[in-house]
Amino acid sequence: MIKGIIFDLDGTLIDSHYDWNIIRKKIGVDNIPILTYINNLKGASKKKAINILDVFEKRATRKARLQKGIKKLLTFLSKKGIKKAIVTNNSRENVEYLLWKLKLSFDEVVTRDDGVWKPSGKPLELAIKRLRLEKDEVIFIGNSNPDKLAAQEAGIGFIYVGENGGFEEIFTVIEHSISS
């Protein structure tokens, strides 16, 4: 039985308008995840890359808006007593701002500031532990291949949402799963 749902943030809960190609070019990273690249840098290079990423993230955060159908889904989950968490590679500062701006509440939030990030399954495992749930009681909803890989590594169910959200269909599936 589903007792918790973990959401990715950017592109899943919110439409955040990142231009990853420009960010990658500014930082100087090609084919590896940006956070992996930054984590391997040292000293001034690392600080510069983090600052570039922060500028772009803050800009996108200020413009972000909820995906269609999210409010309805979150309200339903709260009424049913389903725990909700966010696992994101974004910063805690940006997530806290968005939760305040969009008037949202989650039981747990795991960000890159916790020292783990997707595509590793560790941030999902951390969220599950903090929610005090078991892996078979949780579903992860995301919009990217790193989200899918993280769910696979963590051994939990995964629901993929496309670029335009698709939460009306997901709401129907979740409503049926929880109510059954």
N, C-alpha and C. Protein backbone atom coordinates (compact mmCIF):
# COMPACT_ATOMS: atom_id res chain seq x y z
N MET A 1 0.84 -1.19 0.00
CA MET A 1 0.00 0.00 0.00
C MET A 1 0.88 1.25 0.00
N ILE A 2 0.50 2.22 -0.78
CA ILE A 2 1.26 3.46 -0.89
C ILE A 2 0.99 4.34 0.33
N LYS A 3 2.08 4.71 1.03
CA LYS A 3 1.98 5.59 2.19
C LYS A 3 2.76 6.88 2.00
N GLY A 4 3.53 6.95 0.92
CA GLY A 4 4.32 8.15 0.67
C GLY A 4 4.63 8.33 -0.80
N ILE A 5 4.66 9.58 -1.22
CA ILE A 5 5.04 9.91 -2.59
C ILE A 5 6.15 10.94 -2.53
N ILE A 6 7.21 10.63 -3.27
CA ILE A 6 8.36 11.52 -3.36
C ILE A 6 8.34 12.15 -4.75
N PHE A 7 8.52 13.45 -4.78
CA PHE A 7 8.49 14.19 -6.04
C PHE A 7 9.87 14.78 -6.35
N ASP A 8 10.23 14.74 -7.61
CA ASP A 8 11.31 15.58 -8.10
C ASP A 8 10.73 17.00 -8.14
N LEU A 9 11.58 18.00 -8.15
CA LEU A 9 11.09 19.38 -8.15
C LEU A 9 11.04 19.98 -9.56
N ASP A 10 12.21 20.28 -10.10
CA ASP A 10 12.28 21.01 -11.37
C ASP A 10 11.81 20.15 -12.54
N GLY A 11 10.79 20.64 -13.24
CA GLY A 11 10.24 19.92 -14.37
C GLY A 11 9.16 18.93 -13.98
N THR A 12 9.03 18.66 -12.69
CA THR A 12 8.01 17.73 -12.21
C THR A 12 6.94 18.51 -11.45
N LEU A 13 7.29 19.01 -10.27
CA LEU A 13 6.33 19.83 -9.51
C LEU A 13 6.19 21.22 -10.12
N ILE A 14 7.30 21.75 -10.58
CA ILE A 14 7.29 23.11 -11.10
C ILE A 14 7.85 23.17 -12.52
N ASP A 15 7.40 24.17 -13.24
CA ASP A 15 7.95 24.50 -14.55
C ASP A 15 8.99 25.57 -14.27
N SER A 16 10.26 25.23 -14.45
CA SER A 16 11.32 26.12 -13.98
C SER A 16 12.18 26.78 -15.05
N HIS A 17 12.01 26.43 -16.30
CA HIS A 17 12.66 27.14 -17.42
C HIS A 17 14.19 27.21 -17.33
N TYR A 18 14.85 26.11 -17.13
CA TYR A 18 16.32 26.09 -17.17
C TYR A 18 16.80 25.92 -18.59
N ASP A 19 17.86 26.61 -18.95
CA ASP A 19 18.53 26.35 -20.22
C ASP A 19 19.84 25.65 -19.88
N TRP A 20 19.75 24.33 -19.78
CA TRP A 20 20.90 23.54 -19.34
C TRP A 20 22.08 23.65 -20.29
N ASN A 21 21.84 23.87 -21.58
CA ASN A 21 22.94 24.00 -22.53
C ASN A 21 23.78 25.24 -22.22
N ILE A 22 23.13 26.34 -21.91
CA ILE A 22 23.86 27.56 -21.56
C ILE A 22 24.60 27.37 -20.24
N ILE A 23 23.95 26.76 -19.25
CA ILE A 23 24.60 26.53 -17.96
C ILE A 23 25.84 25.66 -18.15
N ARG A 24 25.70 24.58 -18.90
CA ARG A 24 26.83 23.68 -19.16
C ARG A 24 27.98 24.43 -19.84
N LYS A 25 27.65 25.27 -20.80
CA LYS A 25 28.68 26.03 -21.53
C LYS A 25 29.40 27.00 -20.59
N LYS A 26 28.63 27.71 -19.76
CA LYS A 26 29.23 28.69 -18.83
C LYS A 26 30.15 28.01 -17.81
N ILE A 27 29.73 26.82 -17.35
CA ILE A 27 30.53 26.09 -16.35
C ILE A 27 31.69 25.35 -17.02
N GLY A 28 31.49 24.93 -18.27
CA GLY A 28 32.54 24.21 -18.99
C GLY A 28 32.45 22.71 -18.84
N VAL A 29 31.23 22.19 -18.73
CA VAL A 29 31.04 20.75 -18.57
C VAL A 29 30.31 20.20 -19.80
N ASP A 30 30.70 18.99 -20.21
CA ASP A 30 30.08 18.39 -21.39
C ASP A 30 29.12 17.27 -21.05
N ASN A 31 29.62 16.06 -20.97
CA ASN A 31 28.77 14.87 -20.96
C ASN A 31 28.52 14.24 -19.60
N ILE A 32 28.96 14.85 -18.53
CA ILE A 32 28.69 14.27 -17.21
C ILE A 32 27.73 15.17 -16.45
N PRO A 33 27.06 14.64 -15.44
CA PRO A 33 26.15 15.49 -14.65
C PRO A 33 26.89 16.70 -14.07
N ILE A 34 26.24 17.84 -14.11
CA ILE A 34 26.85 19.09 -13.65
C ILE A 34 27.35 18.98 -12.21
N LEU A 35 26.54 18.41 -11.32
CA LEU A 35 26.95 18.33 -9.92
C LEU A 35 28.14 17.41 -9.72
N THR A 36 28.22 16.35 -10.50
CA THR A 36 29.38 15.45 -10.43
C THR A 36 30.63 16.21 -10.87
N TYR A 37 30.51 16.96 -11.94
CA TYR A 37 31.63 17.76 -12.43
C TYR A 37 32.08 18.77 -11.37
N ILE A 38 31.13 19.52 -10.84
CA ILE A 38 31.46 20.54 -9.83
C ILE A 38 32.09 19.91 -8.60
N ASN A 39 31.55 18.77 -8.17
CA ASN A 39 32.07 18.10 -6.98
C ASN A 39 33.53 17.67 -7.15
N ASN A 40 33.95 17.41 -8.38
CA ASN A 40 35.33 16.99 -8.64
C ASN A 40 36.30 18.16 -8.79
N LEU A 41 35.77 19.38 -8.86
CA LEU A 41 36.62 20.56 -8.96
C LEU A 41 37.21 20.90 -7.60
N LYS A 42 38.25 21.72 -7.61
CA LYS A 42 38.90 22.15 -6.37
C LYS A 42 39.02 23.67 -6.34
N GLY A 43 39.06 24.22 -5.13
CA GLY A 43 39.38 25.61 -4.91
C GLY A 43 38.54 26.62 -5.66
N ALA A 44 39.23 27.58 -6.30
CA ALA A 44 38.56 28.70 -6.98
C ALA A 44 37.69 28.22 -8.15
N SER A 45 38.12 27.17 -8.84
CA SER A 45 37.33 26.65 -9.96
C SER A 45 35.98 26.12 -9.48
N LYS A 46 36.02 25.43 -8.35
CA LYS A 46 34.78 24.88 -7.79
C LYS A 46 33.85 26.01 -7.36
N LYS A 47 34.42 27.00 -6.67
CA LYS A 47 33.62 28.12 -6.20
C LYS A 47 32.98 28.88 -7.36
N LYS A 48 33.75 29.09 -8.43
CA LYS A 48 33.24 29.79 -9.61
C LYS A 48 32.08 29.02 -10.25
N ALA A 49 32.24 27.71 -10.40
CA ALA A 49 31.20 26.88 -11.01
C ALA A 49 29.93 26.88 -10.16
N ILE A 50 30.09 26.80 -8.85
CA ILE A 50 28.93 26.84 -7.94
C ILE A 50 28.21 28.18 -8.07
N ASN A 51 28.97 29.25 -8.14
CA ASN A 51 28.36 30.58 -8.28
C ASN A 51 27.58 30.72 -9.59
N ILE A 52 28.13 30.19 -10.68
CA ILE A 52 27.43 30.23 -11.97
C ILE A 52 26.12 29.47 -11.87
N LEU A 53 26.18 28.26 -11.32
CA LEU A 53 24.97 27.44 -11.17
C LEU A 53 23.94 28.16 -10.30
N ASP A 54 24.40 28.75 -9.20
CA ASP A 54 23.49 29.47 -8.29
C ASP A 54 22.76 30.61 -8.99
N VAL A 55 23.48 31.37 -9.81
CA VAL A 55 22.87 32.50 -10.52
C VAL A 55 21.73 32.01 -11.42
N PHE A 56 21.99 30.97 -12.20
CA PHE A 56 20.97 30.44 -13.10
C PHE A 56 19.80 29.83 -12.33
N GLU A 57 20.11 29.11 -11.26
CA GLU A 57 19.04 28.49 -10.46
C GLU A 57 18.14 29.54 -9.81
N LYS A 58 18.75 30.57 -9.25
CA LYS A 58 17.95 31.61 -8.61
C LYS A 58 17.05 32.32 -9.62
N ARG A 59 17.58 32.58 -10.79
CA ARG A 59 16.79 33.22 -11.85
C ARG A 59 15.59 32.34 -12.23
N ALA A 60 15.84 31.06 -12.41
CA ALA A 60 14.76 30.13 -12.77
C ALA A 60 13.75 29.98 -11.63
N THR A 61 14.25 29.97 -10.40
CA THR A 61 13.38 29.83 -9.23
C THR A 61 12.40 31.00 -9.14
N ARG A 62 12.86 32.19 -9.42
CA ARG A 62 12.00 33.37 -9.33
C ARG A 62 10.86 33.31 -10.35
N LYS A 63 11.10 32.65 -11.50
CA LYS A 63 10.09 32.57 -12.56
C LYS A 63 9.23 31.31 -12.46
N ALA A 64 9.60 30.39 -11.61
CA ALA A 64 8.94 29.07 -11.57
C ALA A 64 7.47 29.17 -11.19
N ARG A 65 6.70 28.23 -11.75
CA ARG A 65 5.29 28.12 -11.38
C ARG A 65 4.92 26.64 -11.31
N LEU A 66 3.86 26.36 -10.58
CA LEU A 66 3.42 24.97 -10.42
C LEU A 66 2.95 24.38 -11.75
N GLN A 67 3.25 23.11 -11.93
CA GLN A 67 2.71 22.39 -13.08
C GLN A 67 1.20 22.23 -12.90
N LYS A 68 0.50 22.18 -13.99
CA LYS A 68 -0.95 22.02 -13.97
C LYS A 68 -1.32 20.69 -13.28
N GLY A 69 -2.27 20.76 -12.36
CA GLY A 69 -2.77 19.57 -11.68
C GLY A 69 -2.06 19.23 -10.38
N ILE A 70 -0.95 19.90 -10.08
CA ILE A 70 -0.18 19.58 -8.87
C ILE A 70 -0.95 19.92 -7.61
N LYS A 71 -1.54 21.10 -7.56
CA LYS A 71 -2.26 21.53 -6.35
C LYS A 71 -3.35 20.52 -5.99
N LYS A 72 -4.09 20.08 -6.99
CA LYS A 72 -5.16 19.10 -6.77
C LYS A 72 -4.59 17.79 -6.22
N LEU A 73 -3.49 17.33 -6.80
CA LEU A 73 -2.87 16.08 -6.34
C LEU A 73 -2.35 16.21 -4.92
N LEU A 74 -1.66 17.30 -4.60
CA LEU A 74 -1.11 17.49 -3.26
C LEU A 74 -2.21 17.60 -2.21
N THR A 75 -3.29 18.28 -2.55
CA THR A 75 -4.44 18.39 -1.63
C THR A 75 -5.04 17.02 -1.37
N PHE A 76 -5.21 16.23 -2.42
CA PHE A 76 -5.75 14.87 -2.29
C PHE A 76 -4.85 14.02 -1.38
N LEU A 77 -3.55 14.07 -1.61
CA LEU A 77 -2.62 13.27 -0.81
C LEU A 77 -2.68 13.67 0.66
N SER A 78 -2.75 14.95 0.93
CA SER A 78 -2.84 15.42 2.32
C SER A 78 -4.11 14.92 2.99
N LYS A 79 -5.23 15.00 2.27
CA LYS A 79 -6.51 14.52 2.83
C LYS A 79 -6.49 13.03 3.12
N LYS A 80 -5.73 12.28 2.33
CA LYS A 80 -5.64 10.82 2.51
C LYS A 80 -4.55 10.42 3.51
N GLY A 81 -3.82 11.39 4.04
CA GLY A 81 -2.77 11.10 5.01
C GLY A 81 -1.51 10.51 4.39
N ILE A 82 -1.33 10.73 3.10
CA ILE A 82 -0.14 10.23 2.40
C ILE A 82 1.01 11.22 2.62
N LYS A 83 2.15 10.70 3.06
CA LYS A 83 3.31 11.55 3.28
C LYS A 83 3.88 12.01 1.94
N LYS A 84 4.40 13.25 1.95
CA LYS A 84 4.93 13.84 0.72
C LYS A 84 6.35 14.34 0.97
N ALA A 85 7.22 14.06 0.01
CA ALA A 85 8.60 14.53 0.10
C ALA A 85 9.05 15.05 -1.26
N ILE A 86 10.09 15.87 -1.21
CA ILE A 86 10.76 16.34 -2.42
C ILE A 86 12.19 15.82 -2.37
N VAL A 87 12.67 15.29 -3.49
CA VAL A 87 14.08 14.97 -3.67
C VAL A 87 14.52 15.71 -4.92
N THR A 88 15.48 16.61 -4.76
CA THR A 88 15.90 17.46 -5.87
C THR A 88 17.40 17.69 -5.84
N ASN A 89 17.96 17.93 -7.00
CA ASN A 89 19.36 18.32 -7.09
C ASN A 89 19.52 19.83 -6.94
N ASN A 90 18.44 20.54 -6.70
CA ASN A 90 18.47 21.98 -6.47
C ASN A 90 18.98 22.25 -5.06
N SER A 91 19.19 23.50 -4.72
CA SER A 91 19.69 23.87 -3.38
C SER A 91 18.53 24.00 -2.40
N ARG A 92 18.84 23.83 -1.12
CA ARG A 92 17.83 23.97 -0.07
C ARG A 92 17.26 25.39 -0.08
N GLU A 93 18.12 26.38 -0.27
CA GLU A 93 17.67 27.77 -0.28
C GLU A 93 16.59 27.99 -1.34
N ASN A 94 16.81 27.48 -2.54
CA ASN A 94 15.83 27.65 -3.62
C ASN A 94 14.54 26.89 -3.32
N VAL A 95 14.66 25.69 -2.78
CA VAL A 95 13.46 24.90 -2.46
C VAL A 95 12.64 25.60 -1.39
N GLU A 96 13.29 26.09 -0.35
CA GLU A 96 12.56 26.78 0.72
C GLU A 96 11.86 28.03 0.18
N TYR A 97 12.52 28.76 -0.71
CA TYR A 97 11.89 29.93 -1.33
C TYR A 97 10.65 29.51 -2.12
N LEU A 98 10.78 28.46 -2.92
CA LEU A 98 9.65 28.00 -3.73
C LEU A 98 8.48 27.52 -2.87
N LEU A 99 8.78 26.78 -1.82
CA LEU A 99 7.70 26.31 -0.94
C LEU A 99 6.96 27.50 -0.33
N TRP A 100 7.71 28.52 0.05
CA TRP A 100 7.09 29.73 0.61
C TRP A 100 6.28 30.45 -0.47
N LYS A 101 6.90 30.67 -1.62
CA LYS A 101 6.26 31.41 -2.72
C LYS A 101 4.97 30.73 -3.18
N LEU A 102 5.01 29.42 -3.30
CA LEU A 102 3.87 28.67 -3.84
C LEU A 102 2.94 28.14 -2.75
N LYS A 103 3.27 28.45 -1.49
CA LYS A 103 2.44 28.04 -0.34
C LYS A 103 2.23 26.53 -0.32
N LEU A 104 3.35 25.80 -0.38
CA LEU A 104 3.32 24.34 -0.37
C LEU A 104 3.96 23.81 0.90
N SER A 105 3.53 22.63 1.30
CA SER A 105 4.09 21.99 2.49
C SER A 105 4.40 20.53 2.18
N PHE A 106 5.59 20.10 2.58
CA PHE A 106 6.02 18.71 2.40
C PHE A 106 6.56 18.19 3.73
N ASP A 107 6.43 16.89 3.93
CA ASP A 107 6.91 16.28 5.16
C ASP A 107 8.43 16.25 5.22
N GLU A 108 9.08 16.05 4.09
CA GLU A 108 10.54 16.01 4.03
C GLU A 108 11.03 16.61 2.72
N VAL A 109 12.23 17.17 2.78
CA VAL A 109 12.88 17.70 1.59
C VAL A 109 14.35 17.27 1.63
N VAL A 110 14.81 16.65 0.55
CA VAL A 110 16.22 16.28 0.42
C VAL A 110 16.76 17.04 -0.79
N THR A 111 17.83 17.80 -0.56
CA THR A 111 18.45 18.59 -1.63
C THR A 111 19.91 18.18 -1.79
N ARG A 112 20.57 18.76 -2.77
CA ARG A 112 21.99 18.47 -2.94
C ARG A 112 22.81 18.91 -1.73
N ASP A 113 22.25 19.83 -0.94
CA ASP A 113 22.94 20.28 0.26
C ASP A 113 23.03 19.19 1.33
N ASP A 114 22.28 18.10 1.15
CA ASP A 114 22.38 16.95 2.04
C ASP A 114 23.57 16.07 1.67
N GLY A 115 24.28 16.43 0.60
CA GLY A 115 25.50 15.72 0.22
C GLY A 115 25.29 14.53 -0.70
N VAL A 116 24.07 14.32 -1.15
CA VAL A 116 23.77 13.23 -2.08
C VAL A 116 22.86 13.78 -3.18
N TRP A 117 23.02 13.27 -4.40
CA TRP A 117 22.17 13.75 -5.48
C TRP A 117 21.96 12.67 -6.52
N LYS A 118 20.88 12.87 -7.27
CA LYS A 118 20.54 11.95 -8.34
C LYS A 118 21.55 12.10 -9.48
N PRO A 119 21.90 11.02 -10.17
CA PRO A 119 21.14 9.79 -10.34
C PRO A 119 21.38 8.72 -9.27
N SER A 120 22.13 9.02 -8.24
CA SER A 120 22.28 8.05 -7.15
C SER A 120 20.93 7.82 -6.48
N GLY A 121 20.71 6.63 -5.98
CA GLY A 121 19.49 6.33 -5.23
C GLY A 121 19.55 6.81 -3.79
N LYS A 122 20.72 7.27 -3.35
CA LYS A 122 20.89 7.66 -1.94
C LYS A 122 19.96 8.78 -1.47
N PRO A 123 19.70 9.83 -2.29
CA PRO A 123 18.77 10.85 -1.80
C PRO A 123 17.36 10.30 -1.59
N LEU A 124 16.93 9.36 -2.43
CA LEU A 124 15.62 8.74 -2.24
C LEU A 124 15.61 7.88 -0.98
N GLU A 125 16.68 7.14 -0.77
CA GLU A 125 16.79 6.31 0.44
C GLU A 125 16.75 7.19 1.70
N LEU A 126 17.42 8.35 1.64
CA LEU A 126 17.40 9.28 2.76
C LEU A 126 15.99 9.81 3.02
N ALA A 127 15.29 10.16 1.96
CA ALA A 127 13.90 10.64 2.11
C ALA A 127 13.01 9.56 2.72
N ILE A 128 13.15 8.33 2.25
CA ILE A 128 12.35 7.22 2.77
C ILE A 128 12.63 7.02 4.26
N LYS A 129 13.90 7.08 4.62
CA LYS A 129 14.28 6.93 6.03
C LYS A 129 13.67 8.04 6.87
N ARG A 130 13.76 9.28 6.40
CA ARG A 130 13.20 10.41 7.14
C ARG A 130 11.68 10.34 7.24
N LEU A 131 11.04 9.78 6.22
CA LEU A 131 9.58 9.61 6.25
C LEU A 131 9.16 8.45 7.14
N ARG A 132 10.13 7.63 7.54
CA ARG A 132 9.88 6.42 8.35
C ARG A 132 8.96 5.44 7.61
N LEU A 133 9.29 5.23 6.34
CA LEU A 133 8.53 4.30 5.51
C LEU A 133 9.47 3.24 4.95
N GLU A 134 8.87 2.23 4.33
CA GLU A 134 9.62 1.18 3.66
C GLU A 134 9.61 1.46 2.16
N LYS A 135 10.56 0.88 1.45
CA LYS A 135 10.67 1.11 0.01
C LYS A 135 9.41 0.72 -0.75
N ASP A 136 8.75 -0.34 -0.32
CA ASP A 136 7.56 -0.78 -1.05
C ASP A 136 6.32 0.05 -0.73
N GLU A 137 6.47 1.05 0.14
CA GLU A 137 5.36 1.94 0.50
C GLU A 137 5.45 3.30 -0.20
N VAL A 138 6.45 3.44 -1.08
CA VAL A 138 6.76 4.74 -1.66
C VAL A 138 6.82 4.67 -3.19
N ILE A 139 6.40 5.76 -3.82
CA ILE A 139 6.55 5.95 -5.27
C ILE A 139 7.30 7.25 -5.48
N PHE A 140 8.17 7.27 -6.48
CA PHE A 140 8.88 8.48 -6.86
C PHE A 140 8.34 8.96 -8.20
N ILE A 141 8.01 10.24 -8.27
CA ILE A 141 7.52 10.85 -9.51
C ILE A 141 8.57 11.83 -10.02
N GLY A 142 9.03 11.61 -11.25
CA GLY A 142 10.06 12.47 -11.82
C GLY A 142 9.91 12.63 -13.32
N ASN A 143 10.80 13.44 -13.89
CA ASN A 143 10.67 13.78 -15.31
C ASN A 143 11.94 13.54 -16.13
N SER A 144 12.90 12.83 -15.56
CA SER A 144 14.17 12.70 -16.28
C SER A 144 14.77 11.30 -16.12
N ASN A 145 15.75 11.03 -16.96
CA ASN A 145 16.46 9.76 -16.85
C ASN A 145 17.19 9.64 -15.51
N PRO A 146 17.87 10.69 -15.01
CA PRO A 146 18.48 10.58 -13.68
C PRO A 146 17.45 10.25 -12.58
N ASP A 147 16.22 10.76 -12.72
CA ASP A 147 15.17 10.41 -11.75
C ASP A 147 14.87 8.91 -11.83
N LYS A 148 14.73 8.41 -13.04
CA LYS A 148 14.45 6.98 -13.24
C LYS A 148 15.58 6.12 -12.70
N LEU A 149 16.82 6.50 -12.99
CA LEU A 149 17.98 5.74 -12.51
C LEU A 149 18.05 5.75 -10.99
N ALA A 150 17.74 6.88 -10.38
CA ALA A 150 17.75 6.98 -8.92
C ALA A 150 16.71 6.04 -8.31
N ALA A 151 15.51 6.02 -8.89
CA ALA A 151 14.45 5.14 -8.39
C ALA A 151 14.86 3.68 -8.53
N GLN A 152 15.46 3.33 -9.66
CA GLN A 152 15.91 1.95 -9.87
C GLN A 152 16.96 1.56 -8.84
N GLU A 153 17.94 2.44 -8.63
CA GLU A 153 19.00 2.14 -7.66
C GLU A 153 18.44 2.02 -6.24
N ALA A 154 17.45 2.84 -5.92
CA ALA A 154 16.85 2.80 -4.58
C ALA A 154 15.87 1.64 -4.44
N GLY A 155 15.47 1.06 -5.56
CA GLY A 155 14.53 -0.07 -5.51
C GLY A 155 13.10 0.33 -5.20
N ILE A 156 12.68 1.48 -5.75
CA ILE A 156 11.30 1.93 -5.52
C ILE A 156 10.58 2.16 -6.84
N GLY A 157 9.25 2.21 -6.77
CA GLY A 157 8.44 2.46 -7.96
C GLY A 157 8.66 3.85 -8.50
N PHE A 158 8.50 3.98 -9.82
CA PHE A 158 8.75 5.26 -10.48
C PHE A 158 7.63 5.56 -11.46
N ILE A 159 7.16 6.80 -11.44
CA ILE A 159 6.19 7.29 -12.42
C ILE A 159 6.85 8.44 -13.16
N TYR A 160 6.89 8.31 -14.49
CA TYR A 160 7.49 9.34 -15.33
C TYR A 160 6.43 10.34 -15.76
N VAL A 161 6.75 11.64 -15.63
CA VAL A 161 5.88 12.68 -16.16
C VAL A 161 6.62 13.39 -17.28
N GLY A 162 5.90 13.72 -18.33
CA GLY A 162 6.50 14.41 -19.46
C GLY A 162 6.70 15.88 -19.18
N GLU A 163 7.15 16.60 -20.19
CA GLU A 163 7.44 18.02 -20.07
C GLU A 163 6.23 18.85 -19.68
N ASN A 164 5.06 18.43 -20.05
CA ASN A 164 3.85 19.21 -19.76
C ASN A 164 3.12 18.70 -18.53
N GLY A 165 3.81 17.99 -17.67
CA GLY A 165 3.21 17.55 -16.42
C GLY A 165 2.46 16.25 -16.54
N GLY A 166 1.26 16.28 -17.11
CA GLY A 166 0.46 15.06 -17.21
C GLY A 166 -0.11 14.61 -15.89
N PHE A 167 -0.33 15.55 -14.97
CA PHE A 167 -0.77 15.17 -13.63
C PHE A 167 -2.23 14.80 -13.54
N GLU A 168 -3.02 15.15 -14.53
CA GLU A 168 -4.42 14.71 -14.52
C GLU A 168 -4.48 13.19 -14.61
N GLU A 169 -3.68 12.61 -15.51
CA GLU A 169 -3.64 11.16 -15.66
C GLU A 169 -3.01 10.51 -14.42
N ILE A 170 -1.94 11.11 -13.93
CA ILE A 170 -1.27 10.56 -12.75
C ILE A 170 -2.19 10.62 -11.54
N PHE A 171 -2.94 11.70 -11.41
CA PHE A 171 -3.90 11.82 -10.31
C PHE A 171 -4.86 10.64 -10.32
N THR A 172 -5.38 10.30 -11.48
CA THR A 172 -6.32 9.19 -11.60
C THR A 172 -5.68 7.88 -11.16
N VAL A 173 -4.44 7.63 -11.59
CA VAL A 173 -3.73 6.40 -11.21
C VAL A 173 -3.49 6.36 -9.71
N ILE A 174 -3.01 7.46 -9.15
CA ILE A 174 -2.71 7.50 -7.72
C ILE A 174 -3.98 7.40 -6.90
N GLU A 175 -5.01 8.11 -7.31
CA GLU A 175 -6.29 8.05 -6.60
C GLU A 175 -6.79 6.61 -6.53
N HIS A 176 -6.71 5.89 -7.64
CA HIS A 176 -7.15 4.49 -7.68
C HIS A 176 -6.26 3.61 -6.79
N SER A 177 -4.93 3.83 -6.84
CA SER A 177 -3.99 3.03 -6.05
C SER A 177 -4.19 3.21 -4.56
N ILE A 178 -4.45 4.44 -4.15
CA ILE A 178 -4.59 4.74 -2.72
C ILE A 178 -5.96 4.32 -2.21
N SER A 179 -6.96 4.49 -3.02
CA SER A 179 -8.33 4.20 -2.60
C SER A 179 -8.65 2.70 -2.63
N SER A 180 -7.84 1.91 -3.34
CA SER A 180 -8.12 0.47 -3.47
C SER A 180 -7.76 -0.29 -2.21
